[in-house]
């Protein structure tokens, strides 16, 4: 199954949090449909209210805690383990190379 946060097709607009939220909501909905469960079933399995599940899928609005509860119900928690991780560098050259690569990427 596709990884919600790290799928190569997941085109993040780094400067638009709403678009990121909408893409996450769409992928969660897609995952729910692949598992052949309804919004009501997801609400029961996750412990998140039906209204919150519906609002998440339709408006991409949800608390972090509820998003995590839905991720557990959809068996999609591994993706969260890579958020906000720090890179362990072995040399200053690695830091410089990464910084240069990021600058080039931003210039595109």
PDB file of N, CA and C in Angstrom:
ATOM      1  N   UNK A   1       0.831  -1.179   0.000  1.00  0.00           N
ATOM      2  CA  UNK A   1       0.000   0.000   0.000  1.00  0.00           C
ATOM      3  C   UNK A   1       0.881   1.250   0.000  1.00  0.00           C
ATOM      4  N   UNK A   2       0.435   2.322  -0.627  1.00  0.00           N
ATOM      5  CA  UNK A   2       1.212   3.546  -0.696  1.00  0.00           C
ATOM      6  C   UNK A   2       1.419   4.158   0.676  1.00  0.00           C
ATOM      7  N   UNK A   3       2.575   4.705   0.877  1.00  0.00           N
ATOM      8  CA  UNK A   3       2.921   5.419   2.092  1.00  0.00           C
ATOM      9  C   UNK A   3       2.358   6.830   1.961  1.00  0.00           C
ATOM     10  N   UNK A   4       1.516   7.235   2.866  1.00  0.00           N
ATOM     11  CA  UNK A   4       0.814   8.515   2.764  1.00  0.00           C
ATOM     12  C   UNK A   4       1.770   9.690   2.679  1.00  0.00           C
ATOM     13  N   UNK A   5       2.808   9.702   3.475  1.00  0.00           N
ATOM     14  CA  UNK A   5       3.664  10.879   3.551  1.00  0.00           C
ATOM     15  C   UNK A   5       4.895  10.824   2.666  1.00  0.00           C
ATOM     16  N   UNK A   6       5.359   9.647   2.301  1.00  0.00           N
ATOM     17  CA  UNK A   6       6.618   9.579   1.579  1.00  0.00           C
ATOM     18  C   UNK A   6       6.491   9.012   0.175  1.00  0.00           C
ATOM     19  N   UNK A   7       5.296   8.816  -0.307  1.00  0.00           N
ATOM     20  CA  UNK A   7       5.093   8.328  -1.659  1.00  0.00           C
ATOM     21  C   UNK A   7       5.724   9.307  -2.640  1.00  0.00           C
ATOM     22  N   UNK A   8       6.454   8.794  -3.623  1.00  0.00           N
ATOM     23  CA  UNK A   8       7.129   9.663  -4.588  1.00  0.00           C
ATOM     24  C   UNK A   8       6.147  10.485  -5.412  1.00  0.00           C
ATOM     25  N   UNK A   9       4.911  10.051  -5.522  1.00  0.00           N
ATOM     26  CA  UNK A   9       3.908  10.804  -6.250  1.00  0.00           C
ATOM     27  C   UNK A   9       3.328  11.929  -5.397  1.00  0.00           C
ATOM     28  N   UNK A  10       3.675  11.927  -4.137  1.00  0.00           N
ATOM     29  CA  UNK A  10       3.151  12.903  -3.182  1.00  0.00           C
ATOM     30  C   UNK A  10       3.918  14.200  -3.385  1.00  0.00           C
ATOM     31  N   UNK A  11       3.359  15.105  -4.176  1.00  0.00           N
ATOM     32  CA  UNK A  11       4.020  16.342  -4.533  1.00  0.00           C
ATOM     33  C   UNK A  11       3.701  17.419  -3.511  1.00  0.00           C
ATOM     34  N   UNK A  12       4.600  17.595  -2.563  1.00  0.00           N
ATOM     35  CA  UNK A  12       4.366  18.585  -1.515  1.00  0.00           C
ATOM     36  C   UNK A  12       4.658  19.982  -2.025  1.00  0.00           C
ATOM     37  N   UNK A  13       3.721  20.871  -1.809  1.00  0.00           N
ATOM     38  CA  UNK A  13       3.961  22.287  -2.006  1.00  0.00           C
ATOM     39  C   UNK A  13       4.405  22.790  -0.643  1.00  0.00           C
ATOM     40  N   UNK A  14       5.699  22.857  -0.424  1.00  0.00           N
ATOM     41  CA  UNK A  14       6.248  23.130   0.900  1.00  0.00           C
ATOM     42  C   UNK A  14       5.782  24.444   1.492  1.00  0.00           C
ATOM     43  N   UNK A  15       5.282  25.321   0.680  1.00  0.00           N
ATOM     44  CA  UNK A  15       4.913  26.637   1.170  1.00  0.00           C
ATOM     45  C   UNK A  15       3.405  26.812   1.283  1.00  0.00           C
ATOM     46  N   UNK A  16       2.659  25.731   1.181  1.00  0.00           N
ATOM     47  CA  UNK A  16       1.211  25.825   1.269  1.00  0.00           C
ATOM     48  C   UNK A  16       0.674  24.712   2.175  1.00  0.00           C
ATOM     49  N   UNK A  17       0.577  24.993   3.466  1.00  0.00           N
ATOM     50  CA  UNK A  17       0.109  23.966   4.409  1.00  0.00           C
ATOM     51  C   UNK A  17      -1.278  23.431   4.076  1.00  0.00           C
ATOM     52  N   UNK A  18      -2.150  24.246   3.531  1.00  0.00           N
ATOM     53  CA  UNK A  18      -3.497  23.773   3.192  1.00  0.00           C
ATOM     54  C   UNK A  18      -3.434  22.698   2.110  1.00  0.00           C
ATOM     55  N   UNK A  19      -2.593  22.891   1.109  1.00  0.00           N
ATOM     56  CA  UNK A  19      -2.461  21.874   0.046  1.00  0.00           C
ATOM     57  C   UNK A  19      -1.883  20.577   0.599  1.00  0.00           C
ATOM     58  N   UNK A  20      -0.943  20.692   1.515  1.00  0.00           N
ATOM     59  CA  UNK A  20      -0.371  19.502   2.145  1.00  0.00           C
ATOM     60  C   UNK A  20      -1.460  18.768   2.917  1.00  0.00           C
ATOM     61  N   UNK A  21      -2.259  19.507   3.687  1.00  0.00           N
ATOM     62  CA  UNK A  21      -3.348  18.905   4.466  1.00  0.00           C
ATOM     63  C   UNK A  21      -4.365  18.238   3.548  1.00  0.00           C
ATOM     64  N   UNK A  22      -4.697  18.893   2.447  1.00  0.00           N
ATOM     65  CA  UNK A  22      -5.660  18.317   1.498  1.00  0.00           C
ATOM     66  C   UNK A  22      -5.134  17.029   0.885  1.00  0.00           C
ATOM     67  N   UNK A  23      -3.860  16.994   0.563  1.00  0.00           N
ATOM     68  CA  UNK A  23      -3.274  15.784  -0.015  1.00  0.00           C
ATOM     69  C   UNK A  23      -3.262  14.643   1.005  1.00  0.00           C
ATOM     70  N   UNK A  24      -2.938  14.950   2.251  1.00  0.00           N
ATOM     71  CA  UNK A  24      -2.952  13.930   3.295  1.00  0.00           C
ATOM     72  C   UNK A  24      -4.367  13.396   3.487  1.00  0.00           C
ATOM     73  N   UNK A  25      -5.351  14.293   3.520  1.00  0.00           N
ATOM     74  CA  UNK A  25      -6.748  13.877   3.684  1.00  0.00           C
ATOM     75  C   UNK A  25      -7.187  12.996   2.517  1.00  0.00           C
ATOM     76  N   UNK A  26      -6.794  13.367   1.303  1.00  0.00           N
ATOM     77  CA  UNK A  26      -7.173  12.577   0.121  1.00  0.00           C
ATOM     78  C   UNK A  26      -6.542  11.193   0.169  1.00  0.00           C
ATOM     79  N   UNK A  27      -5.299  11.129   0.586  1.00  0.00           N
ATOM     80  CA  UNK A  27      -4.631   9.829   0.666  1.00  0.00           C
ATOM     81  C   UNK A  27      -5.221   8.960   1.770  1.00  0.00           C
ATOM     82  N   UNK A  28      -5.598   9.580   2.873  1.00  0.00           N
ATOM     83  CA  UNK A  28      -6.245   8.816   3.952  1.00  0.00           C
ATOM     84  C   UNK A  28      -7.583   8.267   3.467  1.00  0.00           C
ATOM     85  N   UNK A  29      -8.329   9.077   2.741  1.00  0.00           N
ATOM     86  CA  UNK A  29      -9.606   8.622   2.191  1.00  0.00           C
ATOM     87  C   UNK A  29      -9.374   7.461   1.220  1.00  0.00           C
ATOM     88  N   UNK A  30      -8.361   7.613   0.373  1.00  0.00           N
ATOM     89  CA  UNK A  30      -8.035   6.554  -0.584  1.00  0.00           C
ATOM     90  C   UNK A  30      -7.683   5.266   0.159  1.00  0.00           C
ATOM     91  N   UNK A  31      -6.916   5.387   1.209  1.00  0.00           N
ATOM     92  CA  UNK A  31      -6.530   4.218   2.001  1.00  0.00           C
ATOM     93  C   UNK A  31      -7.767   3.571   2.621  1.00  0.00           C
ATOM     94  N   UNK A  32      -8.681   4.411   3.152  1.00  0.00           N
ATOM     95  CA  UNK A  32      -9.921   3.901   3.745  1.00  0.00           C
ATOM     96  C   UNK A  32     -10.720   3.127   2.709  1.00  0.00           C
ATOM     97  N   UNK A  33     -10.834   3.689   1.508  1.00  0.00           N
ATOM     98  CA  UNK A  33     -11.595   3.025   0.448  1.00  0.00           C
ATOM     99  C   UNK A  33     -10.925   1.723   0.008  1.00  0.00           C
ATOM    100  N   UNK A  34      -9.601   1.709  -0.033  1.00  0.00           N
ATOM    101  CA  UNK A  34      -8.874   0.478  -0.379  1.00  0.00           C
ATOM    102  C   UNK A  34      -9.140  -0.621   0.640  1.00  0.00           C
ATOM    103  N   UNK A  35      -9.316  -0.220   1.893  1.00  0.00           N
ATOM    104  CA  UNK A  35      -9.615  -1.181   2.951  1.00  0.00           C
ATOM    105  C   UNK A  35     -11.093  -1.533   3.005  1.00  0.00           C
ATOM    106  N   UNK A  36     -11.871  -0.880   2.136  1.00  0.00           N
ATOM    107  CA  UNK A  36     -13.304  -1.135   2.011  1.00  0.00           C
ATOM    108  C   UNK A  36     -14.053  -0.899   3.323  1.00  0.00           C
ATOM    109  N   UNK A  37     -13.754   0.238   3.954  1.00  0.00           N
ATOM    110  CA  UNK A  37     -14.482   0.592   5.163  1.00  0.00           C
ATOM    111  C   UNK A  37     -15.129   1.965   4.980  1.00  0.00           C
ATOM    112  N   UNK A  38     -16.255   2.139   5.619  1.00  0.00           N
ATOM    113  CA  UNK A  38     -16.993   3.397   5.521  1.00  0.00           C
ATOM    114  C   UNK A  38     -16.417   4.419   6.500  1.00  0.00           C
ATOM    115  N   UNK A  39     -16.850   5.658   6.332  1.00  0.00           N
ATOM    116  CA  UNK A  39     -16.449   6.690   7.282  1.00  0.00           C
ATOM    117  C   UNK A  39     -16.931   6.339   8.688  1.00  0.00           C
ATOM    118  N   UNK A  40     -18.134   5.802   8.784  1.00  0.00           N
ATOM    119  CA  UNK A  40     -18.668   5.414  10.098  1.00  0.00           C
ATOM    120  C   UNK A  40     -17.832   4.303  10.723  1.00  0.00           C
ATOM    121  N   UNK A  41     -17.436   3.331   9.919  1.00  0.00           N
ATOM    122  CA  UNK A  41     -16.595   2.253  10.435  1.00  0.00           C
ATOM    123  C   UNK A  41     -15.238   2.787  10.881  1.00  0.00           C
ATOM    124  N   UNK A  42     -14.676   3.704  10.095  1.00  0.00           N
ATOM    125  CA  UNK A  42     -13.401   4.309  10.473  1.00  0.00           C
ATOM    126  C   UNK A  42     -13.544   5.077  11.783  1.00  0.00           C
ATOM    127  N   UNK A  43     -14.641   5.779  11.934  1.00  0.00           N
ATOM    128  CA  UNK A  43     -14.883   6.518  13.174  1.00  0.00           C
ATOM    129  C   UNK A  43     -14.914   5.563  14.365  1.00  0.00           C
ATOM    130  N   UNK A  44     -15.624   4.457  14.236  1.00  0.00           N
ATOM    131  CA  UNK A  44     -15.692   3.488  15.335  1.00  0.00           C
ATOM    132  C   UNK A  44     -14.329   2.870  15.621  1.00  0.00           C
ATOM    133  N   UNK A  45     -13.616   2.466  14.566  1.00  0.00           N
ATOM    134  CA  UNK A  45     -12.315   1.822  14.743  1.00  0.00           C
ATOM    135  C   UNK A  45     -11.277   2.759  15.356  1.00  0.00           C
ATOM    136  N   UNK A  46     -11.353   4.020  14.986  1.00  0.00           N
ATOM    137  CA  UNK A  46     -10.331   4.976  15.421  1.00  0.00           C
ATOM    138  C   UNK A  46     -10.657   5.664  16.734  1.00  0.00           C
ATOM    139  N   UNK A  47     -11.941   5.705  17.088  1.00  0.00           N
ATOM    140  CA  UNK A  47     -12.343   6.445  18.273  1.00  0.00           C
ATOM    141  C   UNK A  47     -12.529   7.931  18.003  1.00  0.00           C
ATOM    142  N   UNK A  48     -12.495   8.307  16.742  1.00  0.00           N
ATOM    143  CA  UNK A  48     -12.707   9.691  16.314  1.00  0.00           C
ATOM    144  C   UNK A  48     -14.156   9.807  15.883  1.00  0.00           C
ATOM    145  N   UNK A  49     -14.798  10.914  16.217  1.00  0.00           N
ATOM    146  CA  UNK A  49     -16.220  11.059  15.873  1.00  0.00           C
ATOM    147  C   UNK A  49     -16.420  11.014  14.362  1.00  0.00           C
ATOM    148  N   UNK A  50     -17.606  10.568  13.959  1.00  0.00           N
ATOM    149  CA  UNK A  50     -17.956  10.512  12.543  1.00  0.00           C
ATOM    150  C   UNK A  50     -17.829  11.893  11.908  1.00  0.00           C
ATOM    151  N   UNK A  51     -18.281  12.929  12.623  1.00  0.00           N
ATOM    152  CA  UNK A  51     -18.195  14.294  12.106  1.00  0.00           C
ATOM    153  C   UNK A  51     -16.760  14.722  11.844  1.00  0.00           C
ATOM    154  N   UNK A  52     -15.851  14.323  12.734  1.00  0.00           N
ATOM    155  CA  UNK A  52     -14.436  14.671  12.549  1.00  0.00           C
ATOM    156  C   UNK A  52     -13.833  13.932  11.362  1.00  0.00           C
ATOM    157  N   UNK A  53     -14.195  12.676  11.186  1.00  0.00           N
ATOM    158  CA  UNK A  53     -13.710  11.908  10.029  1.00  0.00           C
ATOM    159  C   UNK A  53     -14.208  12.565   8.749  1.00  0.00           C
ATOM    160  N   UNK A  54     -15.486  12.896   8.724  1.00  0.00           N
ATOM    161  CA  UNK A  54     -16.085  13.522   7.546  1.00  0.00           C
ATOM    162  C   UNK A  54     -15.425  14.882   7.264  1.00  0.00           C
ATOM    163  N   UNK A  55     -15.231  15.692   8.288  1.00  0.00           N
ATOM    164  CA  UNK A  55     -14.605  17.007   8.130  1.00  0.00           C
ATOM    165  C   UNK A  55     -13.164  16.859   7.632  1.00  0.00           C
ATOM    166  N   UNK A  56     -12.469  15.860   8.139  1.00  0.00           N
ATOM    167  CA  UNK A  56     -11.101  15.615   7.687  1.00  0.00           C
ATOM    168  C   UNK A  56     -11.070  15.288   6.200  1.00  0.00           C
ATOM    169  N   UNK A  57     -11.897  14.362   5.770  1.00  0.00           N
ATOM    170  CA  UNK A  57     -11.888  13.965   4.366  1.00  0.00           C
ATOM    171  C   UNK A  57     -12.389  15.071   3.434  1.00  0.00           C
ATOM    172  N   UNK A  58     -13.342  15.863   3.889  1.00  0.00           N
ATOM    173  CA  UNK A  58     -13.933  16.884   3.017  1.00  0.00           C
ATOM    174  C   UNK A  58     -13.243  18.242   3.093  1.00  0.00           C
ATOM    175  N   UNK A  59     -12.716  18.599   4.269  1.00  0.00           N
ATOM    176  CA  UNK A  59     -12.149  19.934   4.443  1.00  0.00           C
ATOM    177  C   UNK A  59     -10.686  19.918   4.882  1.00  0.00           C
ATOM    178  N   UNK A  60     -10.143  18.738   5.110  1.00  0.00           N
ATOM    179  CA  UNK A  60      -8.751  18.572   5.552  1.00  0.00           C
ATOM    180  C   UNK A  60      -8.495  19.269   6.881  1.00  0.00           C
ATOM    181  N   UNK A  61      -9.492  19.252   7.744  1.00  0.00           N
ATOM    182  CA  UNK A  61      -9.364  19.869   9.065  1.00  0.00           C
ATOM    183  C   UNK A  61      -9.469  18.764  10.114  1.00  0.00           C
ATOM    184  N   UNK A  62      -8.401  18.669  10.956  1.00  0.00           N
ATOM    185  CA  UNK A  62      -8.374  17.637  11.987  1.00  0.00           C
ATOM    186  C   UNK A  62      -7.269  17.962  12.987  1.00  0.00           C
ATOM    187  N   UNK A  63      -7.464  17.548  14.214  1.00  0.00           N
ATOM    188  CA  UNK A  63      -6.400  17.730  15.206  1.00  0.00           C
ATOM    189  C   UNK A  63      -5.324  16.673  14.969  1.00  0.00           C
ATOM    190  N   UNK A  64      -4.142  16.962  15.451  1.00  0.00           N
ATOM    191  CA  UNK A  64      -3.046  16.005  15.311  1.00  0.00           C
ATOM    192  C   UNK A  64      -3.382  14.698  16.008  1.00  0.00           C
ATOM    193  N   UNK A  65      -3.952  14.780  17.196  1.00  0.00           N
ATOM    194  CA  UNK A  65      -4.288  13.558  17.927  1.00  0.00           C
ATOM    195  C   UNK A  65      -5.290  12.703  17.141  1.00  0.00           C
ATOM    196  N   UNK A  66      -6.294  13.321  16.566  1.00  0.00           N
ATOM    197  CA  UNK A  66      -7.273  12.569  15.781  1.00  0.00           C
ATOM    198  C   UNK A  66      -6.648  12.018  14.502  1.00  0.00           C
ATOM    199  N   UNK A  67      -5.750  12.775  13.890  1.00  0.00           N
ATOM    200  CA  UNK A  67      -5.052  12.267  12.712  1.00  0.00           C
ATOM    201  C   UNK A  67      -4.265  11.014  13.068  1.00  0.00           C
ATOM    202  N   UNK A  68      -3.604  11.026  14.200  1.00  0.00           N
ATOM    203  CA  UNK A  68      -2.840   9.853  14.627  1.00  0.00           C
ATOM    204  C   UNK A  68      -3.763   8.669  14.926  1.00  0.00           C
ATOM    205  N   UNK A  69      -4.903   8.939  15.525  1.00  0.00           N
ATOM    206  CA  UNK A  69      -5.862   7.864  15.819  1.00  0.00           C
ATOM    207  C   UNK A  69      -6.384   7.248  14.522  1.00  0.00           C
ATOM    208  N   UNK A  70      -6.633   8.071  13.518  1.00  0.00           N
ATOM    209  CA  UNK A  70      -7.073   7.566  12.216  1.00  0.00           C
ATOM    210  C   UNK A  70      -5.939   6.777  11.561  1.00  0.00           C
ATOM    211  N   UNK A  71      -4.725   7.275  11.671  1.00  0.00           N
ATOM    212  CA  UNK A  71      -3.580   6.563  11.102  1.00  0.00           C
ATOM    213  C   UNK A  71      -3.434   5.175  11.710  1.00  0.00           C
ATOM    214  N   UNK A  72      -3.659   5.058  13.011  1.00  0.00           N
ATOM    215  CA  UNK A  72      -3.600   3.744  13.672  1.00  0.00           C
ATOM    216  C   UNK A  72      -4.664   2.833  13.075  1.00  0.00           C
ATOM    217  N   UNK A  73      -5.874   3.342  12.917  1.00  0.00           N
ATOM    218  CA  UNK A  73      -6.978   2.537  12.383  1.00  0.00           C
ATOM    219  C   UNK A  73      -6.726   2.129  10.927  1.00  0.00           C
ATOM    220  N   UNK A  74      -5.980   2.954  10.186  1.00  0.00           N
ATOM    221  CA  UNK A  74      -5.674   2.650   8.784  1.00  0.00           C
ATOM    222  C   UNK A  74      -4.321   1.953   8.621  1.00  0.00           C
ATOM    223  N   UNK A  75      -3.693   1.593   9.744  1.00  0.00           N
ATOM    224  CA  UNK A  75      -2.381   0.942   9.739  1.00  0.00           C
ATOM    225  C   UNK A  75      -1.374   1.766   8.944  1.00  0.00           C
ATOM    226  N   UNK A  76      -1.301   3.054   9.280  1.00  0.00           N
ATOM    227  CA  UNK A  76      -0.417   3.971   8.557  1.00  0.00           C
ATOM    228  C   UNK A  76       0.417   4.817   9.519  1.00  0.00           C
ATOM    229  N   UNK A  77       0.862   4.230  10.615  1.00  0.00           N
ATOM    230  CA  UNK A  77       1.612   5.010  11.596  1.00  0.00           C
ATOM    231  C   UNK A  77       3.107   5.089  11.301  1.00  0.00           C
ATOM    232  N   UNK A  78       3.637   4.187  10.506  1.00  0.00           N
ATOM    233  CA  UNK A  78       5.071   4.202  10.223  1.00  0.00           C
ATOM    234  C   UNK A  78       5.515   5.527   9.617  1.00  0.00           C
ATOM    235  N   UNK A  79       4.660   6.142   8.843  1.00  0.00           N
ATOM    236  CA  UNK A  79       4.993   7.386   8.174  1.00  0.00           C
ATOM    237  C   UNK A  79       5.337   8.500   9.154  1.00  0.00           C
ATOM    238  N   UNK A  80       4.753   8.472  10.331  1.00  0.00           N
ATOM    239  CA  UNK A  80       4.983   9.524  11.308  1.00  0.00           C
ATOM    240  C   UNK A  80       6.352   9.424  11.962  1.00  0.00           C
ATOM    241  N   UNK A  81       6.971   8.271  11.905  1.00  0.00           N
ATOM    242  CA  UNK A  81       8.269   8.101  12.562  1.00  0.00           C
ATOM    243  C   UNK A  81       9.373   8.896  11.883  1.00  0.00           C
ATOM    244  N   UNK A  82       9.167   9.325  10.653  1.00  0.00           N
ATOM    245  CA  UNK A  82      10.196  10.082   9.944  1.00  0.00           C
ATOM    246  C   UNK A  82      10.000  11.595  10.042  1.00  0.00           C
ATOM    247  N   UNK A  83       8.909  12.039  10.632  1.00  0.00           N
ATOM    248  CA  UNK A  83       8.675  13.473  10.763  1.00  0.00           C
ATOM    249  C   UNK A  83       9.640  14.077  11.780  1.00  0.00           C
ATOM    250  N   UNK A  84      10.203  15.190  11.440  1.00  0.00           N
ATOM    251  CA  UNK A  84      11.052  15.975  12.339  1.00  0.00           C
ATOM    252  C   UNK A  84      12.276  15.222  12.840  1.00  0.00           C
ATOM    253  N   UNK A  85      12.743  14.250  12.083  1.00  0.00           N
ATOM    254  CA  UNK A  85      13.957  13.542  12.480  1.00  0.00           C
ATOM    255  C   UNK A  85      15.164  14.393  12.105  1.00  0.00           C
ATOM    256  N   UNK A  86      16.226  14.198  12.827  1.00  0.00           N
ATOM    257  CA  UNK A  86      17.447  14.939  12.569  1.00  0.00           C
ATOM    258  C   UNK A  86      18.426  14.047  11.833  1.00  0.00           C
ATOM    259  N   UNK A  87      19.090  14.642  10.891  1.00  0.00           N
ATOM    260  CA  UNK A  87      20.117  13.937  10.130  1.00  0.00           C
ATOM    261  C   UNK A  87      21.385  13.872  10.977  1.00  0.00           C
ATOM    262  N   UNK A  88      21.944  12.694  11.110  1.00  0.00           N
ATOM    263  CA  UNK A  88      23.230  12.543  11.797  1.00  0.00           C
ATOM    264  C   UNK A  88      24.335  12.600  10.751  1.00  0.00           C
ATOM    265  N   UNK A  89      25.107  13.665  10.789  1.00  0.00           N
ATOM    266  CA  UNK A  89      26.171  13.862   9.808  1.00  0.00           C
ATOM    267  C   UNK A  89      27.475  13.244  10.311  1.00  0.00           C
ATOM    268  N   UNK A  90      28.241  12.711   9.373  1.00  0.00           N
ATOM    269  CA  UNK A  90      29.530  12.121   9.712  1.00  0.00           C
ATOM    270  C   UNK A  90      30.671  13.106   9.478  1.00  0.00           C
ATOM    271  N   UNK A  91      30.412  14.130   8.667  1.00  0.00           N
ATOM    272  CA  UNK A  91      31.465  15.105   8.384  1.00  0.00           C
ATOM    273  C   UNK A  91      30.828  16.432   7.994  1.00  0.00           C
ATOM    274  N   UNK A  92      31.630  17.468   8.012  1.00  0.00           N
ATOM    275  CA  UNK A  92      31.176  18.790   7.585  1.00  0.00           C
ATOM    276  C   UNK A  92      30.864  18.786   6.087  1.00  0.00           C
ATOM    277  N   UNK A  93      31.538  17.929   5.331  1.00  0.00           N
ATOM    278  CA  UNK A  93      31.264  17.817   3.896  1.00  0.00           C
ATOM    279  C   UNK A  93      29.823  17.376   3.634  1.00  0.00           C
ATOM    280  N   UNK A  94      29.315  16.461   4.444  1.00  0.00           N
ATOM    281  CA  UNK A  94      27.922  16.022   4.293  1.00  0.00           C
ATOM    282  C   UNK A  94      26.963  17.178   4.531  1.00  0.00           C
ATOM    283  N   UNK A  95      27.240  18.002   5.523  1.00  0.00           N
ATOM    284  CA  UNK A  95      26.396  19.164   5.823  1.00  0.00           C
ATOM    285  C   UNK A  95      26.412  20.125   4.644  1.00  0.00           C
ATOM    286  N   UNK A  96      27.597  20.408   4.128  1.00  0.00           N
ATOM    287  CA  UNK A  96      27.748  21.335   3.010  1.00  0.00           C
ATOM    288  C   UNK A  96      27.045  20.813   1.765  1.00  0.00           C
ATOM    289  N   UNK A  97      27.197  19.546   1.461  1.00  0.00           N
ATOM    290  CA  UNK A  97      26.555  18.959   0.288  1.00  0.00           C
ATOM    291  C   UNK A  97      25.037  19.037   0.392  1.00  0.00           C
ATOM    292  N   UNK A  98      24.501  18.725   1.575  1.00  0.00           N
ATOM    293  CA  UNK A  98      23.051  18.774   1.750  1.00  0.00           C
ATOM    294  C   UNK A  98      22.544  20.203   1.617  1.00  0.00           C
ATOM    295  N   UNK A  99      23.240  21.146   2.208  1.00  0.00           N
ATOM    296  CA  UNK A  99      22.833  22.551   2.133  1.00  0.00           C
ATOM    297  C   UNK A  99      22.841  23.029   0.681  1.00  0.00           C
ATOM    298  N   UNK A 100      23.874  22.679  -0.068  1.00  0.00           N
ATOM    299  CA  UNK A 100      23.966  23.058  -1.475  1.00  0.00           C
ATOM    300  C   UNK A 100      22.831  22.438  -2.280  1.00  0.00           C
ATOM    301  N   UNK A 101      22.535  21.182  -2.030  1.00  0.00           N
ATOM    302  CA  UNK A 101      21.447  20.498  -2.742  1.00  0.00           C
ATOM    303  C   UNK A 101      20.108  21.165  -2.454  1.00  0.00           C
ATOM    304  N   UNK A 102      19.877  21.552  -1.200  1.00  0.00           N
ATOM    305  CA  UNK A 102      18.622  22.225  -0.848  1.00  0.00           C
ATOM    306  C   UNK A 102      18.522  23.581  -1.524  1.00  0.00           C
ATOM    307  N   UNK A 103      19.628  24.306  -1.596  1.00  0.00           N
ATOM    308  CA  UNK A 103      19.615  25.609  -2.246  1.00  0.00           C
ATOM    309  C   UNK A 103      19.316  25.473  -3.732  1.00  0.00           C
ATOM    310  N   UNK A 104      19.883  24.472  -4.375  1.00  0.00           N
ATOM    311  CA  UNK A 104      19.611  24.235  -5.799  1.00  0.00           C
ATOM    312  C   UNK A 104      18.150  23.885  -6.024  1.00  0.00           C
ATOM    313  N   UNK A 105      17.615  23.071  -5.141  1.00  0.00           N
ATOM    314  CA  UNK A 105      16.222  22.646  -5.252  1.00  0.00           C
ATOM    315  C   UNK A 105      15.287  23.856  -5.121  1.00  0.00           C
ATOM    316  N   UNK A 106      15.588  24.744  -4.187  1.00  0.00           N
ATOM    317  CA  UNK A 106      14.761  25.938  -3.988  1.00  0.00           C
ATOM    318  C   UNK A 106      14.838  26.880  -5.178  1.00  0.00           C
ATOM    319  N   UNK A 107      15.985  26.915  -5.850  1.00  0.00           N
ATOM    320  CA  UNK A 107      16.185  27.817  -6.990  1.00  0.00           C
ATOM    321  C   UNK A 107      15.373  27.387  -8.207  1.00  0.00           C
ATOM    322  N   UNK A 108      14.933  26.156  -8.249  1.00  0.00           N
ATOM    323  CA  UNK A 108      14.182  25.651  -9.417  1.00  0.00           C
ATOM    324  C   UNK A 108      12.836  26.247  -9.512  1.00  0.00           C
TER     325      UNK A 108
END
